[in-house]
Amino acid sequence: MKNLIFRTLFGALYVAVVIAAILLGKYYLGAVFLFFAVFSVREWVVLAGMQDNRTMTANAIVGSVGLYAVLWLQAFMPEMVTPLYWLAYAFFALGTLAYSLRFPSPSPLHYWGTFITSQLMVALPFALLSLIAAADTRWVLMLFILLWVNDTFAYIVGMLTAKLPNGNHKMSPIISPKKSWEGLAGGVAGALLAGWVFFRLQWIDTAQHALCLSAIVALAGVVGDLMESQLKRSVGVKDSGNFLPGHGGALDRFDSLLFAAPIYAIFLYLFGLITL
């Protein structure tokens, strides 16, 4: 019981910080999600088995800060962004390559794979939140609510169907034994319901856009969750870290976001709602 109360309190704190970051303005949003991005990148490096390589860790973190800063400026201060910013980031990446050539890693593919994925699969999704928020902060809040509703409905439906005489149908028994197809259907249904509510609240222009975004976010969130579960299982750990007591690491909290945010941003762009 004590652990449940402890977990609930820290879960509520996490939700409050995320909502505050979205609602309190661009500087608060920028600082909070950069903080989350740096911790997530650090955990990604650890899961990749590169934590003993201090150069790799430093490069991944510095690179993620640079990428995040450029996209935040592009979102909120576009007049300040010039090709020099992107050139600086490109030279940093080339510098990382030069270093790895000068002091060869025992596994160069592992070294570069870790650096590139830390930027594209971890730092970039967090950075895209700024571009979405610059168009409408409600859309960032909508993204998180859709992910939370999807997780909640999937958990409830999965738990209830597991009690049936023949149980439920597991999606991936090896990677994530508790996830079921019934839970997936329940999560998508919950997200669609939330999407309809957002349409009725006029957060999104048409019902088709709202329902499409809801389904995409729900499905992409599950993929992100399974991806991180597979990574953790491959290295034999339960949590990606101890970032949030009772909830595991930063990646454990944002695994669904890693796939959902880029796809969500792409569809907002295709619907003509944001510019990238």
Protein backbone atom coordinates (compact mmCIF):
# COMPACT_ATOMS: atom_id res chain seq x y z
CA MET A 1 0.00 0.00 0.00
CA LYS A 2 2.84 2.36 0.88
CA ASN A 3 4.51 1.68 -2.48
CA LEU A 4 1.24 2.38 -4.30
CA ILE A 5 0.86 5.75 -2.54
CA PHE A 6 4.50 6.57 -3.26
CA ARG A 7 4.09 5.66 -6.93
CA THR A 8 0.83 7.62 -7.22
CA LEU A 9 2.33 10.77 -5.71
CA PHE A 10 5.32 10.77 -8.04
CA GLY A 11 3.08 9.93 -11.00
CA ALA A 12 0.88 12.92 -10.19
CA LEU A 13 3.97 15.11 -9.87
CA TYR A 14 5.20 13.97 -13.29
CA VAL A 15 1.83 14.75 -14.90
CA ALA A 16 1.69 18.16 -13.19
CA VAL A 17 5.20 19.09 -14.40
CA VAL A 18 4.42 18.06 -17.99
CA ILE A 19 1.15 20.02 -18.05
CA ALA A 20 2.80 23.06 -16.46
CA ALA A 21 5.62 22.90 -19.01
CA ILE A 22 3.08 23.05 -21.82
CA LEU A 23 0.88 25.79 -20.37
CA LEU A 24 3.39 28.20 -18.79
CA GLY A 25 5.04 29.39 -21.98
CA LYS A 26 7.86 28.73 -24.40
CA TYR A 27 10.76 29.22 -21.98
CA TYR A 28 9.39 26.86 -19.36
CA LEU A 29 8.44 24.35 -22.05
CA GLY A 30 11.90 24.59 -23.57
CA ALA A 31 13.72 24.12 -20.27
CA VAL A 32 11.61 21.25 -18.94
CA PHE A 33 11.58 19.14 -22.08
CA LEU A 34 15.28 19.77 -22.68
CA PHE A 35 15.84 18.43 -19.16
CA PHE A 36 13.80 15.33 -19.99
CA ALA A 37 15.59 14.94 -23.34
CA VAL A 38 19.07 15.02 -21.77
CA PHE A 39 18.15 12.39 -19.17
CA SER A 40 16.53 10.22 -21.84
CA VAL A 41 19.60 10.44 -24.09
CA ARG A 42 21.83 9.51 -21.15
CA GLU A 43 19.70 6.44 -20.44
CA TRP A 44 19.73 5.54 -24.14
CA VAL A 45 23.54 5.51 -24.11
CA VAL A 46 23.46 3.26 -21.03
CA LEU A 47 21.02 0.82 -22.65
CA ALA A 48 23.28 0.73 -25.70
CA GLY A 49 26.13 -0.38 -23.44
CA MET A 50 28.25 2.72 -24.11
CA GLN A 51 28.10 4.25 -20.63
CA ASP A 52 31.80 3.59 -20.01
CA ASN A 53 32.74 5.64 -23.08
CA ARG A 54 32.70 9.17 -21.68
CA THR A 55 33.30 10.70 -25.09
CA MET A 56 30.26 8.93 -26.50
CA THR A 57 28.12 10.05 -23.57
CA ALA A 58 29.31 13.67 -23.87
CA ASN A 59 28.83 13.72 -27.65
CA ALA A 60 25.31 12.33 -27.41
CA ILE A 61 24.28 14.84 -24.74
CA VAL A 62 25.91 17.87 -26.38
CA GLY A 63 24.50 16.87 -29.75
CA SER A 64 20.99 16.52 -28.35
CA VAL A 65 21.22 19.94 -26.68
CA GLY A 66 22.34 21.48 -29.99
CA LEU A 67 19.60 19.83 -32.01
CA TYR A 68 16.97 20.77 -29.43
CA ALA A 69 18.17 24.40 -29.28
CA VAL A 70 18.06 24.86 -33.05
CA LEU A 71 14.50 23.54 -33.35
CA TRP A 72 13.36 25.57 -30.33
CA LEU A 73 14.74 28.72 -31.95
CA GLN A 74 13.17 27.72 -35.27
CA ALA A 75 9.82 27.43 -33.49
CA PHE A 76 9.83 30.57 -31.34
CA MET A 77 12.53 32.87 -32.74
CA PRO A 78 12.81 31.99 -36.44
CA GLU A 79 14.42 35.33 -37.24
CA MET A 80 17.46 34.21 -35.25
CA VAL A 81 17.93 30.93 -37.08
CA THR A 82 20.38 30.98 -39.95
CA PRO A 83 22.09 28.18 -41.89
CA LEU A 84 25.04 28.75 -39.54
CA TYR A 85 23.18 26.96 -36.76
CA TRP A 86 22.70 23.87 -38.87
CA LEU A 87 26.27 24.11 -40.14
CA ALA A 88 27.50 24.23 -36.55
CA TYR A 89 25.52 21.10 -35.73
CA ALA A 90 26.83 19.37 -38.88
CA PHE A 91 30.42 20.25 -37.97
CA PHE A 92 29.85 18.88 -34.49
CA ALA A 93 28.67 15.57 -35.99
CA LEU A 94 31.68 15.52 -38.33
CA GLY A 95 33.90 16.28 -35.36
CA THR A 96 32.48 13.24 -33.60
CA LEU A 97 33.31 11.16 -36.67
CA ALA A 98 36.82 12.61 -36.82
CA TYR A 99 37.39 11.76 -33.17
CA SER A 100 36.22 8.19 -33.69
CA LEU A 101 38.63 7.88 -36.63
CA ARG A 102 41.52 9.39 -34.67
CA PHE A 103 40.85 7.18 -31.64
CA PRO A 104 39.13 4.14 -33.12
CA SER A 105 36.38 2.48 -31.10
CA PRO A 106 36.47 -1.33 -30.79
CA SER A 107 33.05 -1.24 -32.41
CA PRO A 108 32.69 1.83 -34.68
CA LEU A 109 29.25 0.74 -35.90
CA HIS A 110 28.09 0.53 -32.29
CA TYR A 111 29.62 3.95 -31.57
CA TRP A 112 28.02 5.72 -34.49
CA GLY A 113 24.77 3.82 -34.24
CA THR A 114 24.40 4.95 -30.64
CA PHE A 115 25.15 8.57 -31.49
CA ILE A 116 22.79 8.75 -34.48
CA THR A 117 19.90 6.97 -32.78
CA SER A 118 20.29 9.12 -29.66
CA GLN A 119 19.74 12.17 -31.85
CA LEU A 120 17.03 10.95 -34.21
CA MET A 121 15.08 8.63 -31.92
CA VAL A 122 15.38 10.44 -28.58
CA ALA A 123 16.39 14.11 -28.86
CA LEU A 124 14.40 14.86 -32.03
CA PRO A 125 10.96 13.80 -30.69
CA PHE A 126 11.39 16.12 -27.69
CA ALA A 127 12.57 18.95 -29.95
CA LEU A 128 9.54 18.58 -32.22
CA LEU A 129 7.28 19.47 -29.30
CA SER A 130 8.49 23.07 -29.63
CA LEU A 131 7.44 23.24 -33.30
CA ILE A 132 4.02 21.87 -32.40
CA ALA A 133 3.63 24.23 -29.43
CA ALA A 134 4.55 27.24 -31.57
CA ALA A 135 1.47 26.52 -33.69
CA ASP A 136 -0.87 25.69 -30.79
CA THR A 137 0.09 24.64 -27.27
CA ARG A 138 -3.17 22.70 -27.00
CA TRP A 139 -1.89 20.24 -29.60
CA VAL A 140 1.07 19.30 -27.39
CA LEU A 141 -1.27 18.81 -24.45
CA MET A 142 -3.56 16.78 -26.70
CA LEU A 143 -0.64 14.52 -27.68
CA PHE A 144 0.19 13.71 -24.06
CA ILE A 145 -3.44 13.21 -23.07
CA LEU A 146 -3.96 10.83 -25.99
CA LEU A 147 -0.92 8.81 -24.89
CA TRP A 148 -2.09 8.73 -21.27
CA VAL A 149 -5.66 7.79 -22.21
CA ASN A 150 -4.36 5.07 -24.52
CA ASP A 151 -2.18 3.58 -21.76
CA THR A 152 -4.99 3.76 -19.19
CA PHE A 153 -7.66 2.14 -21.36
CA ALA A 154 -5.20 -0.50 -22.60
CA TYR A 155 -4.30 -1.38 -19.00
CA ILE A 156 -7.93 -1.58 -17.84
CA VAL A 157 -9.16 -3.63 -20.81
CA GLY A 158 -6.09 -5.88 -20.73
CA MET A 159 -6.53 -6.51 -17.01
CA LEU A 160 -10.25 -7.30 -17.36
CA THR A 161 -9.85 -9.60 -20.37
CA ALA A 162 -6.98 -11.45 -18.67
CA LYS A 163 -9.56 -12.68 -16.12
CA LEU A 164 -11.67 -14.37 -18.80
CA PRO A 165 -11.75 -18.21 -18.74
CA ASN A 166 -9.29 -18.46 -21.63
CA GLY A 167 -7.45 -15.24 -20.82
CA ASN A 168 -6.58 -12.77 -23.57
CA HIS A 169 -4.37 -12.85 -26.65
CA LYS A 170 -0.81 -11.67 -26.08
CA MET A 171 0.72 -9.27 -28.58
CA SER A 172 4.35 -10.11 -27.85
CA PRO A 173 4.75 -12.68 -25.06
CA ILE A 174 8.55 -12.49 -25.08
CA ILE A 175 9.03 -8.71 -25.24
CA SER A 176 6.06 -7.58 -23.14
CA PRO A 177 4.03 -10.47 -21.65
CA LYS A 178 1.30 -8.23 -20.21
CA LYS A 179 0.36 -6.51 -23.47
CA SER A 180 -2.60 -8.01 -25.31
CA TRP A 181 -4.49 -7.41 -28.52
CA GLU A 182 -7.58 -6.75 -26.47
CA GLY A 183 -5.67 -4.09 -24.53
CA LEU A 184 -4.50 -2.56 -27.80
CA ALA A 185 -8.10 -2.35 -29.04
CA GLY A 186 -9.20 -0.82 -25.74
CA GLY A 187 -6.41 1.75 -25.86
CA VAL A 188 -7.22 2.78 -29.44
CA ALA A 189 -10.92 3.01 -28.56
CA GLY A 190 -10.12 5.25 -25.58
CA ALA A 191 -7.89 7.46 -27.71
CA LEU A 192 -10.61 7.78 -30.37
CA LEU A 193 -13.08 8.80 -27.67
CA ALA A 194 -10.63 11.42 -26.39
CA GLY A 195 -10.07 12.62 -29.96
CA TRP A 196 -13.81 13.11 -30.41
CA VAL A 197 -13.89 15.15 -27.20
CA PHE A 198 -11.04 17.36 -28.50
CA PHE A 199 -12.99 17.92 -31.71
CA ARG A 200 -16.08 18.90 -29.74
CA LEU A 201 -13.96 21.29 -27.68
CA GLN A 202 -12.73 22.77 -31.01
CA TRP A 203 -9.09 21.96 -30.26
CA ILE A 204 -8.86 20.45 -33.75
CA ASP A 205 -10.67 21.62 -36.86
CA THR A 206 -12.43 18.49 -38.16
CA ALA A 207 -13.60 15.18 -36.73
CA GLN A 208 -11.62 13.32 -39.40
CA HIS A 209 -8.37 15.02 -38.33
CA ALA A 210 -9.11 14.41 -34.66
CA LEU A 211 -9.88 10.71 -35.08
CA CYS A 212 -6.97 10.12 -37.46
CA LEU A 213 -4.49 11.78 -35.08
CA SER A 214 -5.92 9.82 -32.13
CA ALA A 215 -5.53 6.45 -33.85
CA ILE A 216 -2.04 7.28 -35.10
CA VAL A 217 -0.86 8.41 -31.66
CA ALA A 218 -2.30 5.32 -29.96
CA LEU A 219 -0.68 2.87 -32.39
CA ALA A 220 2.65 4.71 -32.52
CA GLY A 221 2.72 4.89 -28.73
CA VAL A 222 2.42 1.11 -28.47
CA VAL A 223 5.30 0.66 -30.95
CA GLY A 224 7.49 3.01 -28.91
CA ASP A 225 6.62 1.15 -25.72
CA LEU A 226 7.44 -2.24 -27.24
CA MET A 227 10.67 -0.91 -28.73
CA GLU A 228 11.94 0.24 -25.35
CA SER A 229 10.80 -3.00 -23.70
CA GLN A 230 12.82 -4.97 -26.23
CA LEU A 231 15.90 -2.83 -25.60
CA LYS A 232 15.62 -3.33 -21.83
CA ARG A 233 15.04 -7.05 -22.18
CA SER A 234 18.07 -7.37 -24.47
CA VAL A 235 20.35 -6.01 -21.74
CA GLY A 236 18.51 -7.67 -18.85
CA VAL A 237 17.15 -4.65 -16.98
CA LYS A 238 13.66 -3.90 -15.72
CA ASP A 239 13.86 -0.09 -15.86
CA SER A 240 15.91 2.26 -18.02
CA GLY A 241 16.98 4.16 -14.89
CA ASN A 242 15.73 5.61 -11.63
CA PHE A 243 14.76 9.07 -12.87
CA LEU A 244 11.29 9.00 -11.27
CA PRO A 245 11.01 6.98 -8.05
CA GLY A 246 8.49 4.18 -8.42
CA HIS A 247 8.24 4.68 -12.18
CA GLY A 248 11.71 3.89 -13.51
CA GLY A 249 13.73 6.02 -15.88
CA ALA A 250 12.96 8.94 -18.16
CA LEU A 251 12.76 6.59 -21.13
CA ASP A 252 10.22 4.49 -19.24
CA ARG A 253 8.00 7.59 -18.96
CA PHE A 254 8.52 8.84 -22.52
CA ASP A 255 8.96 5.64 -24.53
CA SER A 256 5.56 6.07 -26.20
CA LEU A 257 6.44 9.65 -27.13
CA LEU A 258 9.56 8.64 -29.09
CA PHE A 259 7.50 7.18 -31.95
CA ALA A 260 4.30 9.15 -31.47
CA ALA A 261 5.69 12.72 -31.53
CA PRO A 262 7.38 12.55 -34.98
CA ILE A 263 4.40 10.82 -36.60
CA TYR A 264 1.99 13.22 -34.90
CA ALA A 265 4.05 16.19 -36.20
CA ILE A 266 4.12 14.75 -39.72
CA PHE A 267 0.34 14.35 -39.81
CA LEU A 268 -0.20 17.86 -38.44
CA TYR A 269 2.03 19.06 -41.28
CA LEU A 270 0.14 17.00 -43.87
CA PHE A 271 -3.12 18.46 -42.59
CA GLY A 272 -1.64 21.95 -43.06
CA LEU A 273 -1.78 22.76 -39.35
CA ILE A 274 1.95 23.30 -38.70
CA THR A 275 5.05 24.10 -40.72
CA LEU A 276 8.23 22.07 -40.35
